[in-house]
Amino acid sequence: MSFHKYWPYYRLVSVTFWTACIISLLNISETNPSVTRMATHKSALRLYVTSDLASDTGVVLDKGQAHYAGNVMRRQAGDPVILFNGRDGEWLCDFQEIRKQHALVHVRELSRPQTQEPDVLLLFAPLKKIQTSLVIQKATELGAVRLCPVQTVRTNADRIREDKMYLQAIEAAEQ
């Protein structure tokens, strides 16, 4: 028996299966409008800010975050965004305006309160650049509260840039 002899049959089954999946999804979206709304709207960005967050307040994003939201992620006024600061929880917000130098965000409502995480401390020997950034990223994603580089006999890194470590941790937290 040759596989090629039955290939058109497998192809037909695959096309039929995916067609049935799409049709069932369309049927669900007709009965449940929230599914259609979720599929058509852009997903909300998640950004870290240092300012305090409260209902019906405004937050000004800096130049870097405004560039990221407006040019990289192509967000416009009225699009949703989620802001967090590590103290007040996550807040649902809307972009009011996005300019080159800044962006204005209106804070609407609390979406998730801040939870107290267990104090996880990570002591690590700095590696070369890419590996150290991977350690910082994964430790942040796993919930490490403090990252402490430790100089050992076999440490490969010459110097430690705390400012870069801070930015890498913020980037990992925004994911």
C-alpha atoms as a PDB file:
ATOM      1  CA  MET A   1       0.000   0.000   0.000  1.00  0.00           C
ATOM      2  CA  SER A   2       1.184   3.415  -0.818  1.00  0.00           C
ATOM      3  CA  PHE A   3       0.494   6.486   1.289  1.00  0.00           C
ATOM      4  CA  HIS A   4       0.170   8.615  -1.827  1.00  0.00           C
ATOM      5  CA  LYS A   5      -2.798   6.539  -2.952  1.00  0.00           C
ATOM      6  CA  TYR A   6      -4.823   7.708   0.088  1.00  0.00           C
ATOM      7  CA  TRP A   7      -3.494  11.275   0.284  1.00  0.00           C
ATOM      8  CA  PRO A   8      -6.547  12.967  -1.352  1.00  0.00           C
ATOM      9  CA  TYR A   9      -8.796  11.248   1.215  1.00  0.00           C
ATOM     10  CA  TYR A  10      -6.741  12.570   4.165  1.00  0.00           C
ATOM     11  CA  ARG A  11      -6.767  16.003   2.606  1.00  0.00           C
ATOM     12  CA  LEU A  12     -10.561  15.902   2.241  1.00  0.00           C
ATOM     13  CA  VAL A  13     -10.981  14.852   5.884  1.00  0.00           C
ATOM     14  CA  SER A  14      -8.704  17.678   7.024  1.00  0.00           C
ATOM     15  CA  VAL A  15     -10.574  20.298   4.976  1.00  0.00           C
ATOM     16  CA  THR A  16     -13.919  18.958   6.186  1.00  0.00           C
ATOM     17  CA  PHE A  17     -12.763  19.024   9.802  1.00  0.00           C
ATOM     18  CA  TRP A  18     -11.556  22.629   9.646  1.00  0.00           C
ATOM     19  CA  THR A  19     -14.683  23.722   7.774  1.00  0.00           C
ATOM     20  CA  ALA A  20     -16.829  22.195  10.526  1.00  0.00           C
ATOM     21  CA  CYS A  21     -14.766  24.008  13.170  1.00  0.00           C
ATOM     22  CA  ILE A  22     -15.225  27.367  11.437  1.00  0.00           C
ATOM     23  CA  ILE A  23     -18.954  26.808  10.996  1.00  0.00           C
ATOM     24  CA  SER A  24     -19.359  25.881  14.671  1.00  0.00           C
ATOM     25  CA  LEU A  25     -17.426  28.997  15.667  1.00  0.00           C
ATOM     26  CA  LEU A  26     -19.703  31.135  13.508  1.00  0.00           C
ATOM     27  CA  ASN A  27     -22.762  29.546  15.089  1.00  0.00           C
ATOM     28  CA  ILE A  28     -21.414  30.280  18.569  1.00  0.00           C
ATOM     29  CA  SER A  29     -20.708  33.897  17.663  1.00  0.00           C
ATOM     30  CA  GLU A  30     -24.263  34.382  16.371  1.00  0.00           C
ATOM     31  CA  THR A  31     -25.766  33.176  19.646  1.00  0.00           C
ATOM     32  CA  ASN A  32     -23.187  34.863  21.878  1.00  0.00           C
ATOM     33  CA  PRO A  33     -22.305  38.412  20.746  1.00  0.00           C
ATOM     34  CA  SER A  34     -19.427  38.678  23.233  1.00  0.00           C
ATOM     35  CA  VAL A  35     -17.482  36.048  21.239  1.00  0.00           C
ATOM     36  CA  THR A  36     -17.796  38.191  18.108  1.00  0.00           C
ATOM     37  CA  ARG A  37     -16.814  41.298  20.050  1.00  0.00           C
ATOM     38  CA  MET A  38     -13.718  39.559  21.453  1.00  0.00           C
ATOM     39  CA  ALA A  39     -12.688  38.349  18.011  1.00  0.00           C
ATOM     40  CA  THR A  40     -13.041  41.748  16.320  1.00  0.00           C
ATOM     41  CA  HIS A  41     -11.481  44.014  18.981  1.00  0.00           C
ATOM     42  CA  LYS A  42      -7.777  44.271  19.547  1.00  0.00           C
ATOM     43  CA  SER A  43      -6.603  42.698  22.757  1.00  0.00           C
ATOM     44  CA  ALA A  44      -5.764  45.179  25.472  1.00  0.00           C
ATOM     45  CA  LEU A  45      -2.145  46.122  26.059  1.00  0.00           C
ATOM     46  CA  ARG A  46      -0.734  45.554  29.533  1.00  0.00           C
ATOM     47  CA  LEU A  47       1.628  48.330  30.652  1.00  0.00           C
ATOM     48  CA  TYR A  48       3.554  49.026  33.845  1.00  0.00           C
ATOM     49  CA  VAL A  49       3.344  52.567  35.267  1.00  0.00           C
ATOM     50  CA  THR A  50       4.906  54.109  38.358  1.00  0.00           C
ATOM     51  CA  SER A  51       2.034  56.473  39.154  1.00  0.00           C
ATOM     52  CA  ASP A  52      -0.835  55.677  41.545  1.00  0.00           C
ATOM     53  CA  LEU A  53      -3.990  54.235  39.976  1.00  0.00           C
ATOM     54  CA  ALA A  54      -7.574  54.989  41.023  1.00  0.00           C
ATOM     55  CA  SER A  55     -10.986  55.063  39.353  1.00  0.00           C
ATOM     56  CA  ASP A  56     -11.788  58.058  37.100  1.00  0.00           C
ATOM     57  CA  THR A  57      -8.260  59.444  37.060  1.00  0.00           C
ATOM     58  CA  GLY A  58      -5.880  60.217  34.251  1.00  0.00           C
ATOM     59  CA  VAL A  59      -2.392  58.828  33.693  1.00  0.00           C
ATOM     60  CA  VAL A  60       0.253  60.251  31.383  1.00  0.00           C
ATOM     61  CA  LEU A  61       2.473  57.670  29.694  1.00  0.00           C
ATOM     62  CA  ASP A  62       6.053  58.630  28.866  1.00  0.00           C
ATOM     63  CA  LYS A  63       7.594  58.921  25.410  1.00  0.00           C
ATOM     64  CA  GLY A  64       8.731  55.272  25.218  1.00  0.00           C
ATOM     65  CA  GLN A  65       5.365  53.840  26.196  1.00  0.00           C
ATOM     66  CA  ALA A  66       3.543  56.268  23.884  1.00  0.00           C
ATOM     67  CA  HIS A  67       5.765  55.186  20.981  1.00  0.00           C
ATOM     68  CA  TYR A  68       5.189  51.504  21.824  1.00  0.00           C
ATOM     69  CA  ALA A  69       1.403  51.911  22.031  1.00  0.00           C
ATOM     70  CA  GLY A  70       0.936  54.194  19.035  1.00  0.00           C
ATOM     71  CA  ASN A  71       3.557  53.105  16.521  1.00  0.00           C
ATOM     72  CA  VAL A  72       4.488  49.539  17.427  1.00  0.00           C
ATOM     73  CA  MET A  73       1.112  48.188  18.562  1.00  0.00           C
ATOM     74  CA  ARG A  74      -0.943  50.610  16.384  1.00  0.00           C
ATOM     75  CA  ARG A  75      -3.346  51.656  19.141  1.00  0.00           C
ATOM     76  CA  GLN A  76      -5.616  54.681  18.752  1.00  0.00           C
ATOM     77  CA  ALA A  77      -7.764  56.845  20.993  1.00  0.00           C
ATOM     78  CA  GLY A  78     -10.555  54.767  22.539  1.00  0.00           C
ATOM     79  CA  ASP A  79      -8.654  51.454  22.479  1.00  0.00           C
ATOM     80  CA  PRO A  80      -8.460  49.528  25.773  1.00  0.00           C
ATOM     81  CA  VAL A  81      -5.307  49.218  27.857  1.00  0.00           C
ATOM     82  CA  ILE A  82      -4.558  47.528  31.180  1.00  0.00           C
ATOM     83  CA  LEU A  83      -2.294  49.434  33.586  1.00  0.00           C
ATOM     84  CA  PHE A  84      -0.615  48.059  36.698  1.00  0.00           C
ATOM     85  CA  ASN A  85       1.940  49.384  39.165  1.00  0.00           C
ATOM     86  CA  GLY A  86       2.493  46.502  41.587  1.00  0.00           C
ATOM     87  CA  ARG A  87       0.613  48.285  44.393  1.00  0.00           C
ATOM     88  CA  ASP A  88      -2.936  49.094  43.291  1.00  0.00           C
ATOM     89  CA  GLY A  89      -3.747  46.067  41.103  1.00  0.00           C
ATOM     90  CA  GLU A  90      -4.688  45.959  37.416  1.00  0.00           C
ATOM     91  CA  TRP A  91      -6.990  48.639  36.034  1.00  0.00           C
ATOM     92  CA  LEU A  92      -9.011  48.735  32.820  1.00  0.00           C
ATOM     93  CA  CYS A  93      -8.316  51.975  30.977  1.00  0.00           C
ATOM     94  CA  ASP A  94      -8.877  53.672  27.629  1.00  0.00           C
ATOM     95  CA  PHE A  95      -6.474  55.727  25.548  1.00  0.00           C
ATOM     96  CA  GLN A  96      -7.662  59.338  25.363  1.00  0.00           C
ATOM     97  CA  GLU A  97      -4.950  60.517  22.993  1.00  0.00           C
ATOM     98  CA  ILE A  98      -1.626  59.219  21.731  1.00  0.00           C
ATOM     99  CA  ARG A  99       1.067  61.683  20.651  1.00  0.00           C
ATOM    100  CA  LYS A 100       4.771  61.358  19.890  1.00  0.00           C
ATOM    101  CA  GLN A 101       5.932  62.633  23.286  1.00  0.00           C
ATOM    102  CA  HIS A 102       3.188  61.265  25.545  1.00  0.00           C
ATOM    103  CA  ALA A 103      -0.103  59.397  25.744  1.00  0.00           C
ATOM    104  CA  LEU A 104      -3.101  60.178  27.949  1.00  0.00           C
ATOM    105  CA  VAL A 105      -5.001  57.292  29.518  1.00  0.00           C
ATOM    106  CA  HIS A 106      -8.320  57.412  31.392  1.00  0.00           C
ATOM    107  CA  VAL A 107      -8.551  54.871  34.244  1.00  0.00           C
ATOM    108  CA  ARG A 108     -12.022  53.282  34.322  1.00  0.00           C
ATOM    109  CA  GLU A 109     -12.297  50.391  36.772  1.00  0.00           C
ATOM    110  CA  LEU A 110     -10.348  47.844  38.783  1.00  0.00           C
ATOM    111  CA  SER A 111     -10.085  44.572  36.891  1.00  0.00           C
ATOM    112  CA  ARG A 112      -7.958  42.588  39.341  1.00  0.00           C
ATOM    113  CA  PRO A 113      -6.923  43.604  42.862  1.00  0.00           C
ATOM    114  CA  GLN A 114      -3.301  43.377  43.920  1.00  0.00           C
ATOM    115  CA  THR A 115      -2.535  40.057  45.590  1.00  0.00           C
ATOM    116  CA  GLN A 116       0.278  39.545  48.038  1.00  0.00           C
ATOM    117  CA  GLU A 117       2.759  37.183  46.446  1.00  0.00           C
ATOM    118  CA  PRO A 118       5.043  34.967  48.513  1.00  0.00           C
ATOM    119  CA  ASP A 119       8.509  36.432  48.987  1.00  0.00           C
ATOM    120  CA  VAL A 120      10.638  34.521  46.508  1.00  0.00           C
ATOM    121  CA  LEU A 121      14.268  35.585  46.441  1.00  0.00           C
ATOM    122  CA  LEU A 122      16.527  34.471  43.600  1.00  0.00           C
ATOM    123  CA  LEU A 123      20.294  34.510  44.060  1.00  0.00           C
ATOM    124  CA  PHE A 124      22.045  33.911  40.753  1.00  0.00           C
ATOM    125  CA  ALA A 125      25.513  34.173  39.295  1.00  0.00           C
ATOM    126  CA  PRO A 126      25.385  36.568  36.316  1.00  0.00           C
ATOM    127  CA  LEU A 127      25.962  34.885  32.988  1.00  0.00           C
ATOM    128  CA  LYS A 128      26.670  36.388  29.615  1.00  0.00           C
ATOM    129  CA  LYS A 129      24.171  38.990  28.350  1.00  0.00           C
ATOM    130  CA  ILE A 130      21.523  36.848  26.670  1.00  0.00           C
ATOM    131  CA  GLN A 131      21.513  34.152  29.334  1.00  0.00           C
ATOM    132  CA  THR A 132      21.250  36.690  32.167  1.00  0.00           C
ATOM    133  CA  SER A 133      18.303  38.369  30.473  1.00  0.00           C
ATOM    134  CA  LEU A 134      16.635  34.959  30.125  1.00  0.00           C
ATOM    135  CA  VAL A 135      17.147  34.279  33.849  1.00  0.00           C
ATOM    136  CA  ILE A 136      15.625  37.681  34.706  1.00  0.00           C
ATOM    137  CA  GLN A 137      12.683  37.141  32.366  1.00  0.00           C
ATOM    138  CA  LYS A 138      11.819  33.664  33.648  1.00  0.00           C
ATOM    139  CA  ALA A 139      12.294  34.610  37.304  1.00  0.00           C
ATOM    140  CA  THR A 140       9.934  37.566  36.858  1.00  0.00           C
ATOM    141  CA  GLU A 141       7.358  35.387  35.116  1.00  0.00           C
ATOM    142  CA  LEU A 142       7.552  32.863  37.972  1.00  0.00           C
ATOM    143  CA  GLY A 143       6.987  35.591  40.562  1.00  0.00           C
ATOM    144  CA  ALA A 144      10.393  36.260  42.084  1.00  0.00           C
ATOM    145  CA  VAL A 145      10.184  39.401  44.237  1.00  0.00           C
ATOM    146  CA  ARG A 146      13.922  40.099  44.388  1.00  0.00           C
ATOM    147  CA  LEU A 147      16.733  39.190  42.025  1.00  0.00           C
ATOM    148  CA  CYS A 148      20.173  39.287  43.603  1.00  0.00           C
ATOM    149  CA  PRO A 149      23.237  38.771  41.400  1.00  0.00           C
ATOM    150  CA  VAL A 150      26.034  37.036  43.287  1.00  0.00           C
ATOM    151  CA  GLN A 151      29.681  37.187  42.232  1.00  0.00           C
ATOM    152  CA  THR A 152      31.216  33.705  42.260  1.00  0.00           C
ATOM    153  CA  VAL A 153      34.549  32.245  41.196  1.00  0.00           C
ATOM    154  CA  ARG A 154      33.107  31.094  37.865  1.00  0.00           C
ATOM    155  CA  THR A 155      31.023  34.162  37.025  1.00  0.00           C
ATOM    156  CA  ASN A 156      31.352  35.083  33.321  1.00  0.00           C
ATOM    157  CA  ALA A 157      29.970  38.614  33.466  1.00  0.00           C
ATOM    158  CA  ASP A 158      32.377  41.521  33.950  1.00  0.00           C
ATOM    159  CA  ARG A 159      29.824  44.033  35.157  1.00  0.00           C
ATOM    160  CA  ILE A 160      26.168  44.046  36.090  1.00  0.00           C
ATOM    161  CA  ARG A 161      23.860  46.689  34.670  1.00  0.00           C
ATOM    162  CA  GLU A 162      21.068  47.118  37.205  1.00  0.00           C
ATOM    163  CA  ASP A 163      19.198  49.567  34.965  1.00  0.00           C
ATOM    164  CA  LYS A 164      19.005  46.953  32.187  1.00  0.00           C
ATOM    165  CA  MET A 165      17.937  44.295  34.684  1.00  0.00           C
ATOM    166  CA  TYR A 166      15.124  46.606  35.856  1.00  0.00           C
ATOM    167  CA  LEU A 167      13.915  47.221  32.283  1.00  0.00           C
ATOM    168  CA  GLN A 168      14.030  43.505  31.470  1.00  0.00           C
ATOM    169  CA  ALA A 169      11.965  42.698  34.573  1.00  0.00           C
ATOM    170  CA  ILE A 170       9.359  45.326  33.622  1.00  0.00           C
ATOM    171  CA  GLU A 171       9.170  43.961  30.071  1.00  0.00           C
ATOM    172  CA  ALA A 172       8.669  40.417  31.404  1.00  0.00           C
ATOM    173  CA  ALA A 173       5.964  41.602  33.826  1.00  0.00           C
ATOM    174  CA  GLU A 174       4.034  43.269  30.997  1.00  0.00           C
ATOM    175  CA  GLN A 175       3.704  39.979  29.118  1.00  0.00           C
END
